[in-house]
Amino acid sequence: MPPYRDRDRDRDRDRGSGGRSFGRGPRPQRGPRPAPVPVEAIEETRTLIQFLAQSLVDDTERVRVRHVSQGASGLVYELSVAPDDMGRIIGKQGRVANAIRALLKATATRLGTRVNLEIV
């Protein structure tokens, strides 16, 4: 056996696990719970979604925005429109939907929360 292999084996033995813990050790500290979102922020984002959707569709009467939940992942909204207008909301390759989500993300950052939009 070449002499450098003994040296490498001794070095590895002295080093222990090589610095890897494989799930052992202290648990990471969890951050504080997110603060509750004010009602004004919920209503402001809902109004923004409704305004954007009504600006894009033909049948504005069938635009529905529903606040689904509020949790660790932020606010969740459902947007529903008439089946004929679904393509206008989603856009080619989802570009309009992604643009709406980008606007919501900017608004949510200003309000200090997160927003998820589901188009149903």
Protein backbone atom coordinates (compact mmCIF):
# COMPACT_ATOMS: atom_id res chain seq x y z
CA MET A 1 0.00 0.00 0.00
CA PRO A 2 1.45 3.40 -0.92
CA PRO A 3 2.51 5.52 2.06
CA TYR A 4 0.19 8.43 1.22
CA ARG A 5 -2.90 6.24 1.76
CA ASP A 6 -2.00 5.70 5.42
CA ARG A 7 -1.55 9.41 5.85
CA ASP A 8 -4.93 10.14 4.21
CA ARG A 9 -6.69 7.50 6.32
CA ASP A 10 -5.20 8.90 9.53
CA ARG A 11 -6.15 12.43 8.56
CA ASP A 12 -9.74 11.39 7.82
CA ARG A 13 -9.97 9.47 11.11
CA ASP A 14 -8.69 12.47 13.08
CA ARG A 15 -11.10 14.77 11.31
CA GLY A 16 -14.11 12.72 12.28
CA SER A 17 -17.08 12.95 9.98
CA GLY A 18 -15.43 15.56 7.80
CA GLY A 19 -17.60 18.34 9.15
CA ARG A 20 -20.83 16.76 7.99
CA SER A 21 -23.49 16.38 10.64
CA PHE A 22 -26.06 14.22 8.79
CA GLY A 23 -28.96 15.78 10.63
CA ARG A 24 -27.34 15.91 14.05
CA GLY A 25 -26.66 19.05 15.99
CA PRO A 26 -28.68 22.01 17.10
CA ARG A 27 -31.89 22.81 15.31
CA PRO A 28 -32.00 26.09 13.43
CA GLN A 29 -33.76 28.90 15.21
CA ARG A 30 -37.19 29.73 13.89
CA GLY A 31 -38.01 33.34 13.22
CA PRO A 32 -40.88 35.21 14.78
CA ARG A 33 -44.36 34.52 13.53
CA PRO A 34 -45.56 36.92 10.87
CA ALA A 35 -47.69 39.74 12.17
CA PRO A 36 -51.38 39.63 11.28
CA VAL A 37 -52.21 41.49 8.12
CA PRO A 38 -54.44 44.55 8.61
CA VAL A 39 -57.93 44.41 7.14
CA GLU A 40 -57.10 47.47 5.02
CA ALA A 41 -54.30 45.53 3.30
CA ILE A 42 -56.63 42.63 2.56
CA GLU A 43 -59.22 44.95 1.07
CA GLU A 44 -56.65 46.97 -0.89
CA THR A 45 -55.18 43.91 -2.60
CA ARG A 46 -58.65 42.52 -3.33
CA THR A 47 -59.65 45.83 -4.91
CA LEU A 48 -56.47 45.87 -7.01
CA ILE A 49 -57.10 42.36 -8.33
CA GLN A 50 -60.69 43.23 -9.15
CA PHE A 51 -59.70 46.45 -10.93
CA LEU A 52 -57.06 44.71 -13.04
CA ALA A 53 -59.37 41.84 -13.97
CA GLN A 54 -62.30 44.11 -14.87
CA SER A 55 -59.99 46.19 -17.04
CA LEU A 56 -59.04 43.12 -19.07
CA VAL A 57 -62.30 41.24 -19.59
CA ASP A 58 -65.46 41.87 -21.62
CA ASP A 59 -67.96 40.57 -19.05
CA THR A 60 -67.11 42.65 -15.96
CA GLU A 61 -70.16 41.42 -14.05
CA ARG A 62 -68.73 37.89 -13.76
CA VAL A 63 -65.41 38.91 -12.19
CA ARG A 64 -65.21 37.47 -8.67
CA VAL A 65 -62.32 37.92 -6.26
CA ARG A 66 -62.44 35.88 -3.08
CA HIS A 67 -60.04 36.07 -0.13
CA VAL A 68 -59.42 32.40 0.62
CA SER A 69 -56.96 32.31 3.50
CA GLN A 70 -54.30 34.08 5.47
CA GLY A 71 -51.39 32.15 6.90
CA ALA A 72 -47.65 31.71 6.91
CA SER A 73 -47.57 31.83 3.12
CA GLY A 74 -49.42 35.15 3.11
CA LEU A 75 -52.78 36.08 1.66
CA VAL A 76 -54.40 33.76 -0.87
CA TYR A 77 -56.98 35.02 -3.36
CA GLU A 78 -59.08 33.23 -5.96
CA LEU A 79 -59.98 35.04 -9.16
CA SER A 80 -62.80 33.70 -11.31
CA VAL A 81 -64.06 35.16 -14.58
CA ALA A 82 -66.38 34.07 -17.36
CA PRO A 83 -65.07 31.09 -19.36
CA ASP A 84 -64.86 33.26 -22.50
CA ASP A 85 -62.62 35.76 -20.69
CA MET A 86 -60.24 33.20 -19.15
CA GLY A 87 -57.80 33.57 -22.05
CA ARG A 88 -57.63 37.32 -21.57
CA ILE A 89 -56.71 36.91 -17.89
CA ILE A 90 -54.11 34.21 -18.48
CA GLY A 91 -52.64 35.62 -21.71
CA LYS A 92 -50.22 33.96 -24.11
CA GLN A 93 -48.03 31.55 -22.17
CA GLY A 94 -49.38 33.01 -18.92
CA ARG A 95 -47.77 36.41 -19.40
CA VAL A 96 -50.78 38.47 -18.30
CA ALA A 97 -51.30 36.30 -15.22
CA ASN A 98 -47.62 36.62 -14.34
CA ALA A 99 -47.81 40.40 -14.78
CA ILE A 100 -50.80 40.57 -12.41
CA ARG A 101 -48.90 38.46 -9.89
CA ALA A 102 -45.86 40.75 -10.20
CA LEU A 103 -48.03 43.79 -9.43
CA LEU A 104 -49.51 41.98 -6.45
CA LYS A 105 -46.07 41.06 -5.20
CA ALA A 106 -44.98 44.70 -5.33
CA THR A 107 -48.12 45.79 -3.50
CA ALA A 108 -47.72 43.07 -0.90
CA THR A 109 -44.10 44.02 -0.27
CA ARG A 110 -45.19 47.61 0.36
CA LEU A 111 -47.81 46.30 2.81
CA GLY A 112 -45.34 43.92 4.48
CA THR A 113 -46.91 40.59 3.51
CA ARG A 114 -47.13 38.06 0.68
CA VAL A 115 -49.93 37.50 -1.81
CA ASN A 116 -50.77 34.42 -3.88
CA LEU A 117 -53.29 34.56 -6.71
CA GLU A 118 -55.10 31.47 -7.95
CA ILE A 119 -57.03 31.81 -11.19
CA VAL A 120 -59.97 29.39 -11.25
